Amino acid sequence: MKLNSLGAASLLALSLMVISGCDQVEKSAQQVLGKATESAKQAIDETHKAAEQALSEATQGLISPQKKDDQEQNESGSNSKEA
């Protein structure tokens, strides 16, 4: 009977160690995914800025982000009046 309870206690202890190890792996994976997400956002922002700069250079400043934003606001304002 003692051997059975000792085996059960060992199995329980081993299970707890495996579960705590899984939690640690999950936390590490979440950290890696968080860092990857940050890197992706930064790459997208940098690409967006580069694209805006290239567009500005290609149009020689004829289209500026400020004018585009004003135009979008005017269009959205007229769309809401129509609805």
PDB file of N, CA and C in Angstrom:
ATOM      1  N   MET A   1       0.829  -1.196   0.000  1.00  0.00           N
ATOM      2  CA  MET A   1       0.000   0.000   0.000  1.00  0.00           C
ATOM      3  C   MET A   1       0.873   1.259   0.000  1.00  0.00           C
ATOM      4  N   LYS A   2       2.007   1.206   0.723  1.00  0.00           N
ATOM      5  CA  LYS A   2       2.896   2.357   0.776  1.00  0.00           C
ATOM      6  C   LYS A   2       3.483   2.657  -0.600  1.00  0.00           C
ATOM      7  N   LEU A   3       3.799   1.617  -1.339  1.00  0.00           N
ATOM      8  CA  LEU A   3       4.385   1.782  -2.653  1.00  0.00           C
ATOM      9  C   LEU A   3       3.391   2.463  -3.598  1.00  0.00           C
ATOM     10  N   ASN A   4       2.125   2.098  -3.469  1.00  0.00           N
ATOM     11  CA  ASN A   4       1.079   2.717  -4.294  1.00  0.00           C
ATOM     12  C   ASN A   4       0.956   4.207  -4.007  1.00  0.00           C
ATOM     13  N   SER A   5       0.908   4.596  -2.747  1.00  0.00           N
ATOM     14  CA  SER A   5       0.754   6.009  -2.399  1.00  0.00           C
ATOM     15  C   SER A   5       2.011   6.799  -2.756  1.00  0.00           C
ATOM     16  N   LEU A   6       3.178   6.173  -2.632  1.00  0.00           N
ATOM     17  CA  LEU A   6       4.424   6.822  -3.016  1.00  0.00           C
ATOM     18  C   LEU A   6       4.448   7.044  -4.532  1.00  0.00           C
ATOM     19  N   GLY A   7       3.992   6.079  -5.294  1.00  0.00           N
ATOM     20  CA  GLY A   7       3.912   6.199  -6.748  1.00  0.00           C
ATOM     21  C   GLY A   7       2.936   7.285  -7.153  1.00  0.00           C
ATOM     22  N   ALA A   8       1.797   7.343  -6.465  1.00  0.00           N
ATOM     23  CA  ALA A   8       0.795   8.362  -6.772  1.00  0.00           C
ATOM     24  C   ALA A   8       1.332   9.757  -6.451  1.00  0.00           C
ATOM     25  N   ALA A   9       2.034   9.890  -5.335  1.00  0.00           N
ATOM     26  CA  ALA A   9       2.616  11.185  -4.963  1.00  0.00           C
ATOM     27  C   ALA A   9       3.680  11.599  -5.968  1.00  0.00           C
ATOM     28  N   SER A  10       4.485  10.644  -6.417  1.00  0.00           N
ATOM     29  CA  SER A  10       5.517  10.944  -7.411  1.00  0.00           C
ATOM     30  C   SER A  10       4.879  11.370  -8.732  1.00  0.00           C
ATOM     31  N   LEU A  11       3.832  10.669  -9.134  1.00  0.00           N
ATOM     32  CA  LEU A  11       3.135  11.003 -10.367  1.00  0.00           C
ATOM     33  C   LEU A  11       2.514  12.397 -10.277  1.00  0.00           C
ATOM     34  N   LEU A  12       1.952  12.729  -9.120  1.00  0.00           N
ATOM     35  CA  LEU A  12       1.362  14.048  -8.916  1.00  0.00           C
ATOM     36  C   LEU A  12       2.435  15.133  -8.969  1.00  0.00           C
ATOM     37  N   ALA A  13       3.550  14.894  -8.333  1.00  0.00           N
ATOM     38  CA  ALA A  13       4.643  15.868  -8.337  1.00  0.00           C
ATOM     39  C   ALA A  13       5.180  16.060  -9.753  1.00  0.00           C
ATOM     40  N   LEU A  14       5.344  14.987 -10.478  1.00  0.00           N
ATOM     41  CA  LEU A  14       5.816  15.064 -11.859  1.00  0.00           C
ATOM     42  C   LEU A  14       4.819  15.828 -12.728  1.00  0.00           C
ATOM     43  N   SER A  15       3.545  15.563 -12.536  1.00  0.00           N
ATOM     44  CA  SER A  15       2.511  16.275 -13.294  1.00  0.00           C
ATOM     45  C   SER A  15       2.556  17.771 -13.017  1.00  0.00           C
ATOM     46  N   LEU A  16       2.743  18.137 -11.757  1.00  0.00           N
ATOM     47  CA  LEU A  16       2.814  19.563 -11.402  1.00  0.00           C
ATOM     48  C   LEU A  16       4.030  20.225 -12.039  1.00  0.00           C
ATOM     49  N   MET A  17       5.155  19.511 -12.088  1.00  0.00           N
ATOM     50  CA  MET A  17       6.345  20.084 -12.718  1.00  0.00           C
ATOM     51  C   MET A  17       6.119  20.279 -14.223  1.00  0.00           C
ATOM     52  N   VAL A  18       5.454  19.326 -14.856  1.00  0.00           N
ATOM     53  CA  VAL A  18       5.173  19.444 -16.293  1.00  0.00           C
ATOM     54  C   VAL A  18       4.236  20.615 -16.549  1.00  0.00           C
ATOM     55  N   ILE A  19       3.214  20.750 -15.727  1.00  0.00           N
ATOM     56  CA  ILE A  19       2.257  21.853 -15.897  1.00  0.00           C
ATOM     57  C   ILE A  19       2.946  23.197 -15.704  1.00  0.00           C
ATOM     58  N   SER A  20       3.797  23.310 -14.683  1.00  0.00           N
ATOM     59  CA  SER A  20       4.495  24.584 -14.456  1.00  0.00           C
ATOM     60  C   SER A  20       5.449  24.867 -15.613  1.00  0.00           C
ATOM     61  N   GLY A  21       6.042  23.839 -16.167  1.00  0.00           N
ATOM     62  CA  GLY A  21       6.897  24.004 -17.334  1.00  0.00           C
ATOM     63  C   GLY A  21       6.104  24.483 -18.538  1.00  0.00           C
ATOM     64  N   CYS A  22       4.894  23.962 -18.705  1.00  0.00           N
ATOM     65  CA  CYS A  22       4.027  24.395 -19.812  1.00  0.00           C
ATOM     66  C   CYS A  22       3.641  25.857 -19.646  1.00  0.00           C
ATOM     67  N   ASP A  23       3.360  26.275 -18.431  1.00  0.00           N
ATOM     68  CA  ASP A  23       3.029  27.683 -18.176  1.00  0.00           C
ATOM     69  C   ASP A  23       4.200  28.582 -18.544  1.00  0.00           C
ATOM     70  N   GLN A  24       5.394  28.127 -18.213  1.00  0.00           N
ATOM     71  CA  GLN A  24       6.595  28.904 -18.524  1.00  0.00           C
ATOM     72  C   GLN A  24       6.776  29.008 -20.032  1.00  0.00           C
ATOM     73  N   VAL A  25       6.545  27.917 -20.741  1.00  0.00           N
ATOM     74  CA  VAL A  25       6.659  27.906 -22.198  1.00  0.00           C
ATOM     75  C   VAL A  25       5.621  28.837 -22.802  1.00  0.00           C
ATOM     76  N   GLU A  26       4.409  28.813 -22.253  1.00  0.00           N
ATOM     77  CA  GLU A  26       3.344  29.682 -22.762  1.00  0.00           C
ATOM     78  C   GLU A  26       3.699  31.158 -22.560  1.00  0.00           C
ATOM     79  N   LYS A  27       4.228  31.498 -21.399  1.00  0.00           N
ATOM     80  CA  LYS A  27       4.625  32.883 -21.130  1.00  0.00           C
ATOM     81  C   LYS A  27       5.734  33.313 -22.082  1.00  0.00           C
ATOM     82  N   SER A  28       6.691  32.431 -22.309  1.00  0.00           N
ATOM     83  CA  SER A  28       7.784  32.748 -23.227  1.00  0.00           C
ATOM     84  C   SER A  28       7.253  32.947 -24.644  1.00  0.00           C
ATOM     85  N   ALA A  29       6.348  32.098 -25.057  1.00  0.00           N
ATOM     86  CA  ALA A  29       5.760  32.216 -26.397  1.00  0.00           C
ATOM     87  C   ALA A  29       5.000  33.528 -26.540  1.00  0.00           C
ATOM     88  N   GLN A  30       4.283  33.923 -25.498  1.00  0.00           N
ATOM     89  CA  GLN A  30       3.551  35.193 -25.530  1.00  0.00           C
ATOM     90  C   GLN A  30       4.521  36.372 -25.644  1.00  0.00           C
ATOM     91  N   GLN A  31       5.640  36.303 -24.949  1.00  0.00           N
ATOM     92  CA  GLN A  31       6.638  37.371 -25.030  1.00  0.00           C
ATOM     93  C   GLN A  31       7.222  37.452 -26.438  1.00  0.00           C
ATOM     94  N   VAL A  32       7.520  36.298 -27.019  1.00  0.00           N
ATOM     95  CA  VAL A  32       8.084  36.271 -28.371  1.00  0.00           C
ATOM     96  C   VAL A  32       7.071  36.831 -29.365  1.00  0.00           C
ATOM     97  N   LEU A  33       5.819  36.429 -29.230  1.00  0.00           N
ATOM     98  CA  LEU A  33       4.782  36.935 -30.129  1.00  0.00           C
ATOM     99  C   LEU A  33       4.589  38.438 -29.956  1.00  0.00           C
ATOM    100  N   GLY A  34       4.667  38.923 -28.724  1.00  0.00           N
ATOM    101  CA  GLY A  34       4.549  40.359 -28.473  1.00  0.00           C
ATOM    102  C   GLY A  34       5.670  41.139 -29.147  1.00  0.00           C
ATOM    103  N   LYS A  35       6.883  40.617 -29.047  1.00  0.00           N
ATOM    104  CA  LYS A  35       8.017  41.281 -29.685  1.00  0.00           C
ATOM    105  C   LYS A  35       7.892  41.228 -31.203  1.00  0.00           C
ATOM    106  N   ALA A  36       7.425  40.113 -31.730  1.00  0.00           N
ATOM    107  CA  ALA A  36       7.242  39.988 -33.178  1.00  0.00           C
ATOM    108  C   ALA A  36       6.168  40.951 -33.669  1.00  0.00           C
ATOM    109  N   THR A  37       5.110  41.110 -32.895  1.00  0.00           N
ATOM    110  CA  THR A  37       4.043  42.044 -33.255  1.00  0.00           C
ATOM    111  C   THR A  37       4.568  43.473 -33.271  1.00  0.00           C
ATOM    112  N   GLU A  38       5.355  43.829 -32.265  1.00  0.00           N
ATOM    113  CA  GLU A  38       5.943  45.174 -32.208  1.00  0.00           C
ATOM    114  C   GLU A  38       6.832  45.423 -33.412  1.00  0.00           C
ATOM    115  N   SER A  39       7.656  44.439 -33.750  1.00  0.00           N
ATOM    116  CA  SER A  39       8.552  44.569 -34.905  1.00  0.00           C
ATOM    117  C   SER A  39       7.759  44.728 -36.192  1.00  0.00           C
ATOM    118  N   ALA A  40       6.688  43.965 -36.331  1.00  0.00           N
ATOM    119  CA  ALA A  40       5.853  44.055 -37.533  1.00  0.00           C
ATOM    120  C   ALA A  40       5.199  45.430 -37.635  1.00  0.00           C
ATOM    121  N   LYS A  41       4.694  45.942 -36.517  1.00  0.00           N
ATOM    122  CA  LYS A  41       4.079  47.275 -36.521  1.00  0.00           C
ATOM    123  C   LYS A  41       5.097  48.339 -36.922  1.00  0.00           C
ATOM    124  N   GLN A  42       6.298  48.224 -36.384  1.00  0.00           N
ATOM    125  CA  GLN A  42       7.348  49.193 -36.693  1.00  0.00           C
ATOM    126  C   GLN A  42       7.708  49.115 -38.179  1.00  0.00           C
ATOM    127  N   ALA A  43       7.804  47.903 -38.716  1.00  0.00           N
ATOM    128  CA  ALA A  43       8.126  47.743 -40.136  1.00  0.00           C
ATOM    129  C   ALA A  43       7.028  48.332 -41.012  1.00  0.00           C
ATOM    130  N   ILE A  44       5.784  48.141 -40.621  1.00  0.00           N
ATOM    131  CA  ILE A  44       4.659  48.698 -41.382  1.00  0.00           C
ATOM    132  C   ILE A  44       4.696  50.221 -41.338  1.00  0.00           C
ATOM    133  N   ASP A  45       4.950  50.780 -40.160  1.00  0.00           N
ATOM    134  CA  ASP A  45       5.030  52.242 -40.036  1.00  0.00           C
ATOM    135  C   ASP A  45       6.156  52.812 -40.889  1.00  0.00           C
ATOM    136  N   GLU A  46       7.312  52.166 -40.851  1.00  0.00           N
ATOM    137  CA  GLU A  46       8.447  52.642 -41.642  1.00  0.00           C
ATOM    138  C   GLU A  46       8.161  52.530 -43.136  1.00  0.00           C
ATOM    139  N   THR A  47       7.513  51.451 -43.540  1.00  0.00           N
ATOM    140  CA  THR A  47       7.154  51.271 -44.947  1.00  0.00           C
ATOM    141  C   THR A  47       6.153  52.324 -45.385  1.00  0.00           C
ATOM    142  N   HIS A  48       5.206  52.616 -44.514  1.00  0.00           N
ATOM    143  CA  HIS A  48       4.197  53.642 -44.816  1.00  0.00           C
ATOM    144  C   HIS A  48       4.857  55.014 -45.001  1.00  0.00           C
ATOM    145  N   LYS A  49       5.761  55.351 -44.098  1.00  0.00           N
ATOM    146  CA  LYS A  49       6.462  56.633 -44.203  1.00  0.00           C
ATOM    147  C   LYS A  49       7.285  56.699 -45.487  1.00  0.00           C
ATOM    148  N   ALA A  50       7.967  55.610 -45.807  1.00  0.00           N
ATOM    149  CA  ALA A  50       8.780  55.575 -47.028  1.00  0.00           C
ATOM    150  C   ALA A  50       7.899  55.705 -48.266  1.00  0.00           C
ATOM    151  N   ALA A  51       6.737  55.063 -48.245  1.00  0.00           N
ATOM    152  CA  ALA A  51       5.814  55.151 -49.382  1.00  0.00           C
ATOM    153  C   ALA A  51       5.284  56.571 -49.532  1.00  0.00           C
ATOM    154  N   GLU A  52       4.950  57.210 -48.418  1.00  0.00           N
ATOM    155  CA  GLU A  52       4.486  58.604 -48.483  1.00  0.00           C
ATOM    156  C   GLU A  52       5.581  59.514 -49.039  1.00  0.00           C
ATOM    157  N   GLN A  53       6.808  59.287 -48.601  1.00  0.00           N
ATOM    158  CA  GLN A  53       7.915  60.102 -49.080  1.00  0.00           C
ATOM    159  C   GLN A  53       8.147  59.863 -50.573  1.00  0.00           C
ATOM    160  N   ALA A  54       8.092  58.612 -51.010  1.00  0.00           N
ATOM    161  CA  ALA A  54       8.286  58.299 -52.424  1.00  0.00           C
ATOM    162  C   ALA A  54       7.181  58.912 -53.271  1.00  0.00           C
ATOM    163  N   LEU A  55       5.957  58.858 -52.776  1.00  0.00           N
ATOM    164  CA  LEU A  55       4.829  59.458 -53.496  1.00  0.00           C
ATOM    165  C   LEU A  55       5.001  60.967 -53.586  1.00  0.00           C
ATOM    166  N   SER A  56       5.425  61.574 -52.502  1.00  0.00           N
ATOM    167  CA  SER A  56       5.641  63.011 -52.490  1.00  0.00           C
ATOM    168  C   SER A  56       6.736  63.404 -53.479  1.00  0.00           C
ATOM    169  N   GLU A  57       7.815  62.626 -53.497  1.00  0.00           N
ATOM    170  CA  GLU A  57       8.897  62.918 -54.436  1.00  0.00           C
ATOM    171  C   GLU A  57       8.455  62.690 -55.878  1.00  0.00           C
ATOM    172  N   ALA A  58       7.653  61.649 -56.103  1.00  0.00           N
ATOM    173  CA  ALA A  58       7.203  61.334 -57.463  1.00  0.00           C
ATOM    174  C   ALA A  58       6.254  62.399 -57.996  1.00  0.00           C
ATOM    175  N   THR A  59       5.442  62.949 -57.111  1.00  0.00           N
ATOM    176  CA  THR A  59       4.491  63.981 -57.534  1.00  0.00           C
ATOM    177  C   THR A  59       5.073  65.367 -57.342  1.00  0.00           C
ATOM    178  N   GLN A  60       6.308  65.438 -56.899  1.00  0.00           N
ATOM    179  CA  GLN A  60       7.025  66.697 -56.664  1.00  0.00           C
ATOM    180  C   GLN A  60       6.235  67.628 -55.746  1.00  0.00           C
ATOM    181  N   GLY A  61       5.614  67.040 -54.746  1.00  0.00           N
ATOM    182  CA  GLY A  61       4.914  67.838 -53.749  1.00  0.00           C
ATOM    183  C   GLY A  61       3.538  68.309 -54.183  1.00  0.00           C
ATOM    184  N   LEU A  62       3.023  67.849 -55.335  1.00  0.00           N
ATOM    185  CA  LEU A  62       1.689  68.275 -55.776  1.00  0.00           C
ATOM    186  C   LEU A  62       0.600  67.745 -54.856  1.00  0.00           C
ATOM    187  N   ILE A  63       0.832  66.563 -54.320  1.00  0.00           N
ATOM    188  CA  ILE A  63      -0.113  65.975 -53.365  1.00  0.00           C
ATOM    189  C   ILE A  63       0.609  65.893 -52.030  1.00  0.00           C
ATOM    190  N   SER A  64       0.073  66.558 -51.045  1.00  0.00           N
ATOM    191  CA  SER A  64       0.683  66.495 -49.717  1.00  0.00           C
ATOM    192  C   SER A  64      -0.267  65.762 -48.784  1.00  0.00           C
ATOM    193  N   PRO A  65       0.252  65.095 -47.751  1.00  0.00           N
ATOM    194  CA  PRO A  65      -0.618  64.384 -46.806  1.00  0.00           C
ATOM    195  C   PRO A  65      -1.665  65.299 -46.173  1.00  0.00           C
ATOM    196  N   GLN A  66      -1.324  66.549 -45.923  1.00  0.00           N
ATOM    197  CA  GLN A  66      -2.262  67.483 -45.309  1.00  0.00           C
ATOM    198  C   GLN A  66      -3.467  67.698 -46.231  1.00  0.00           C
ATOM    199  N   LYS A  67      -3.220  67.932 -47.522  1.00  0.00           N
ATOM    200  CA  LYS A  67      -4.304  68.140 -48.469  1.00  0.00           C
ATOM    201  C   LYS A  67      -5.163  66.888 -48.580  1.00  0.00           C
ATOM    202  N   LYS A  68      -4.535  65.733 -48.570  1.00  0.00           N
ATOM    203  CA  LYS A  68      -5.262  64.476 -48.666  1.00  0.00           C
ATOM    204  C   LYS A  68      -6.175  64.295 -47.458  1.00  0.00           C
ATOM    205  N   ASP A  69      -5.684  64.592 -46.259  1.00  0.00           N
ATOM    206  CA  ASP A  69      -6.490  64.480 -45.045  1.00  0.00           C
ATOM    207  C   ASP A  69      -7.680  65.439 -45.098  1.00  0.00           C
ATOM    208  N   ASP A  70      -7.443  66.682 -45.564  1.00  0.00           N
ATOM    209  CA  ASP A  70      -8.535  67.649 -45.674  1.00  0.00           C
ATOM    210  C   ASP A  70      -9.582  67.162 -46.662  1.00  0.00           C
ATOM    211  N   GLN A  71      -9.139  66.582 -47.778  1.00  0.00           N
ATOM    212  CA  GLN A  71     -10.053  66.101 -48.792  1.00  0.00           C
ATOM    213  C   GLN A  71     -10.897  64.945 -48.247  1.00  0.00           C
ATOM    214  N   GLU A  72     -10.279  64.041 -47.503  1.00  0.00           N
ATOM    215  CA  GLU A  72     -11.008  62.916 -46.928  1.00  0.00           C
ATOM    216  C   GLU A  72     -12.047  63.401 -45.924  1.00  0.00           C
ATOM    217  N   GLN A  73     -11.716  64.414 -45.133  1.00  0.00           N
ATOM    218  CA  GLN A  73     -12.670  64.951 -44.166  1.00  0.00           C
ATOM    219  C   GLN A  73     -13.855  65.582 -44.890  1.00  0.00           C
ATOM    220  N   ASN A  74     -13.585  66.309 -45.969  1.00  0.00           N
ATOM    221  CA  ASN A  74     -14.670  66.925 -46.734  1.00  0.00           C
ATOM    222  C   ASN A  74     -15.563  65.869 -47.357  1.00  0.00           C
ATOM    223  N   GLU A  75     -14.980  64.807 -47.898  1.00  0.00           N
ATOM    224  CA  GLU A  75     -15.755  63.743 -48.506  1.00  0.00           C
ATOM    225  C   GLU A  75     -16.595  63.011 -47.475  1.00  0.00           C
ATOM    226  N   SER A  76     -16.032  62.744 -46.302  1.00  0.00           N
ATOM    227  CA  SER A  76     -16.799  62.044 -45.269  1.00  0.00           C
ATOM    228  C   SER A  76     -17.900  62.939 -44.719  1.00  0.00           C
ATOM    229  N   GLY A  77     -17.675  64.212 -44.685  1.00  0.00           N
ATOM    230  CA  GLY A  77     -18.693  65.147 -44.231  1.00  0.00           C
ATOM    231  C   GLY A  77     -19.863  65.202 -45.209  1.00  0.00           C
ATOM    232  N   SER A  78     -19.572  65.183 -46.518  1.00  0.00           N
ATOM    233  CA  SER A  78     -20.643  65.233 -47.501  1.00  0.00           C
ATOM    234  C   SER A  78     -21.386  63.902 -47.567  1.00  0.00           C
ATOM    235  N   ASN A  79     -20.711  62.799 -47.286  1.00  0.00           N
ATOM    236  CA  ASN A  79     -21.348  61.486 -47.272  1.00  0.00           C
ATOM    237  C   ASN A  79     -22.325  61.376 -46.111  1.00  0.00           C
ATOM    238  N   SER A  80     -21.983  61.943 -44.979  1.00  0.00           N
ATOM    239  CA  SER A  80     -22.887  61.844 -43.835  1.00  0.00           C
ATOM    240  C   SER A  80     -24.113  62.717 -44.020  1.00  0.00           C
ATOM    241  N   LYS A  81     -23.993  63.782 -44.822  1.00  0.00           N
ATOM    242  CA  LYS A  81     -25.151  64.640 -45.095  1.00  0.00           C
ATOM    243  C   LYS A  81     -26.135  63.934 -46.021  1.00  0.00           C
ATOM    244  N   GLU A  82     -25.597  63.103 -46.951  1.00  0.00           N
ATOM    245  CA  GLU A  82     -26.433  62.407 -47.894  1.00  0.00           C
ATOM    246  C   GLU A  82     -27.222  61.296 -47.241  1.00  0.00           C
ATOM    247  N   ALA A  83     -26.699  60.693 -46.187  1.00  0.00           N
ATOM    248  CA  ALA A  83     -27.313  59.526 -45.557  1.00  0.00           C
ATOM    249  C   ALA A  83     -28.532  59.859 -44.790  1.00  0.00           C
TER     250      ALA A  83
END
